[in-house]
Amino acid sequence: MRRRALRSAVLALSLFSMPMLLGCEVKTIQVQLPGFGNGAVDGIWLWKPDPAKPGAWKRVCRIDFVDRRITTQGETLSYVQNCIQGKVRRGIVFPAPIDRLAGSPSTITIELTYLRYEDPGPYRASAFNASGESPLSSSSLPL
């Protein structure tokens, strides 16, 4: 039993120190997604200002939603960050608790852990599914 506890502690410490070793910063992003309950959202894109085109935004990271589950602790969504240091790579799968909007159960709010490799600055988001992509969010978030 002690060996299992020690192994779990070492694993947890390794996972928490990994972002520092990889040169990224751990950030949290709170996102509200209308239409999620209808199956209308497969993931989000994160965008940053494009330094080559003033006033324009460029995609920097795709986050795919991979699994929704109902557990004894509530509803959760698993997601994966598919960008690492500017390259498209599948990252670690993270869980996020789902908070449904009381007046609109198809709208959810989730808090995502984001491993930021880019320089700090404002970010915006858009949602996507097989049919296309939403417009870029009207507000930005400093990360």
Protein backbone atom coordinates (compact mmCIF):
# COMPACT_ATOMS: atom_id res chain seq x y z
CA MET A 1 0.00 0.00 0.00
CA ARG A 2 2.81 2.42 0.90
CA ARG A 3 4.56 1.63 -2.35
CA ARG A 4 1.46 2.55 -4.36
CA ALA A 5 1.08 5.85 -2.47
CA LEU A 6 4.74 6.69 -3.09
CA ARG A 7 4.42 5.82 -6.78
CA SER A 8 1.31 8.03 -7.07
CA ALA A 9 3.09 10.93 -5.36
CA VAL A 10 6.10 10.64 -7.69
CA LEU A 11 3.81 10.49 -10.73
CA ALA A 12 1.85 13.56 -9.61
CA LEU A 13 5.05 15.53 -8.95
CA SER A 14 6.40 14.53 -12.36
CA LEU A 15 3.24 15.64 -14.15
CA PHE A 16 3.17 18.99 -12.35
CA SER A 17 6.85 19.72 -13.03
CA MET A 18 6.72 18.62 -16.69
CA PRO A 19 5.41 21.98 -18.04
CA MET A 20 8.33 23.83 -16.45
CA LEU A 21 10.79 21.42 -18.02
CA LEU A 22 9.14 21.80 -21.42
CA GLY A 23 9.35 25.59 -21.33
CA CYS A 24 5.66 26.38 -21.05
CA GLU A 25 3.44 28.11 -18.56
CA VAL A 26 0.26 26.56 -17.16
CA LYS A 27 -2.79 28.80 -17.58
CA THR A 28 -6.52 28.31 -17.05
CA ILE A 29 -9.15 29.44 -19.52
CA GLN A 30 -12.86 29.64 -18.72
CA VAL A 31 -15.01 29.09 -21.82
CA GLN A 32 -18.78 29.24 -22.25
CA LEU A 33 -20.07 27.10 -25.14
CA PRO A 34 -23.65 27.58 -26.36
CA GLY A 35 -24.95 24.55 -28.25
CA PHE A 36 -22.62 22.04 -26.60
CA GLY A 37 -25.55 20.00 -25.28
CA ASN A 38 -26.82 19.53 -28.84
CA GLY A 39 -23.48 18.00 -29.89
CA ALA A 40 -22.75 21.12 -31.92
CA VAL A 41 -19.21 21.74 -30.60
CA ASP A 42 -16.20 19.47 -31.25
CA GLY A 43 -13.52 21.81 -29.87
CA ILE A 44 -12.10 25.31 -29.90
CA TRP A 45 -9.31 27.22 -31.61
CA LEU A 46 -7.23 29.73 -29.65
CA TRP A 47 -6.04 32.82 -31.54
CA LYS A 48 -3.39 35.49 -30.95
CA PRO A 49 -2.72 38.78 -32.76
CA ASP A 50 -0.70 38.24 -35.95
CA PRO A 51 2.42 40.43 -35.73
CA ALA A 52 2.85 40.25 -39.51
CA LYS A 53 -0.67 41.64 -40.11
CA PRO A 54 -1.70 44.40 -37.68
CA GLY A 55 -5.34 44.03 -36.65
CA ALA A 56 -5.50 40.39 -37.78
CA TRP A 57 -5.55 37.27 -35.59
CA LYS A 58 -3.90 33.90 -36.25
CA ARG A 59 -4.63 30.43 -34.92
CA VAL A 60 -2.14 29.18 -32.35
CA CYS A 61 -3.77 26.12 -30.81
CA ARG A 62 -6.54 23.61 -31.46
CA ILE A 63 -8.23 22.00 -28.46
CA ASP A 64 -10.33 18.92 -29.28
CA PHE A 65 -13.09 17.63 -27.02
CA VAL A 66 -12.67 13.86 -26.92
CA ASP A 67 -15.07 12.42 -24.36
CA ARG A 68 -17.99 13.43 -22.13
CA ARG A 69 -18.78 11.32 -19.07
CA ILE A 70 -21.14 11.32 -16.15
CA THR A 71 -19.46 10.12 -12.98
CA THR A 72 -20.31 10.13 -9.28
CA GLN A 73 -18.63 13.56 -9.10
CA GLY A 74 -20.75 15.00 -11.93
CA GLU A 75 -20.39 15.58 -15.64
CA THR A 76 -16.89 15.91 -17.09
CA LEU A 77 -15.40 16.64 -20.49
CA SER A 78 -12.03 15.29 -21.59
CA TYR A 79 -10.04 17.43 -24.00
CA VAL A 80 -6.62 17.43 -25.63
CA GLN A 81 -4.40 20.36 -26.60
CA ASN A 82 -3.11 19.65 -30.11
CA CYS A 83 -0.34 22.22 -30.24
CA ILE A 84 3.05 22.21 -28.61
CA GLN A 85 5.61 24.94 -29.30
CA GLY A 86 3.90 26.02 -32.51
CA LYS A 87 3.62 22.52 -33.97
CA VAL A 88 0.51 20.40 -34.31
CA ARG A 89 1.07 17.55 -31.86
CA ARG A 90 -1.32 15.60 -29.71
CA GLY A 91 -0.82 16.49 -26.07
CA ILE A 92 -2.04 15.17 -22.75
CA VAL A 93 -5.75 14.44 -22.25
CA PHE A 94 -7.16 16.64 -19.46
CA PRO A 95 -10.55 16.35 -17.70
CA ALA A 96 -12.73 19.40 -16.99
CA PRO A 97 -15.94 19.53 -14.93
CA ILE A 98 -18.96 20.69 -16.93
CA ASP A 99 -21.14 23.43 -15.47
CA ARG A 100 -24.47 23.70 -17.31
CA LEU A 101 -26.24 27.07 -17.49
CA ALA A 102 -29.46 26.85 -15.43
CA GLY A 103 -31.73 28.55 -17.97
CA SER A 104 -30.11 26.89 -21.00
CA PRO A 105 -28.88 23.32 -20.34
CA SER A 106 -27.29 23.06 -23.82
CA THR A 107 -24.88 25.87 -22.83
CA ILE A 108 -21.92 24.82 -20.69
CA THR A 109 -19.05 26.54 -18.94
CA ILE A 110 -15.75 24.70 -18.59
CA GLU A 111 -12.37 25.65 -17.20
CA LEU A 112 -9.53 24.37 -19.37
CA THR A 113 -5.89 23.94 -18.42
CA TYR A 114 -3.77 25.41 -21.21
CA LEU A 115 -0.03 24.84 -21.58
CA ARG A 116 1.10 28.14 -23.10
CA TYR A 117 4.30 27.95 -25.14
CA GLU A 118 3.80 31.29 -26.87
CA ASP A 119 4.69 34.70 -25.48
CA PRO A 120 2.11 36.24 -23.12
CA GLY A 121 -0.60 38.35 -24.68
CA PRO A 122 -4.28 38.54 -25.58
CA TYR A 123 -6.08 35.42 -26.82
CA ARG A 124 -9.46 34.95 -28.47
CA ALA A 125 -11.37 31.76 -29.24
CA SER A 126 -13.67 30.21 -31.82
CA ALA A 127 -15.64 26.94 -31.59
CA PHE A 128 -15.74 24.35 -34.37
CA ASN A 129 -17.54 21.22 -35.49
CA ALA A 130 -17.78 19.13 -38.66
CA SER A 131 -19.96 21.80 -40.31
CA GLY A 132 -17.60 24.73 -39.78
CA GLU A 133 -16.43 27.30 -37.29
CA SER A 134 -17.99 30.04 -35.19
CA PRO A 135 -16.91 33.67 -35.52
CA LEU A 136 -13.97 34.76 -33.38
CA SER A 137 -14.99 35.67 -29.82
CA SER A 138 -15.71 39.37 -29.33
CA SER A 139 -13.64 39.60 -26.14
CA SER A 140 -10.03 38.64 -25.52
CA LEU A 141 -8.36 37.05 -22.52
CA PRO A 142 -4.83 37.93 -21.39
CA LEU A 143 -2.73 34.78 -20.91
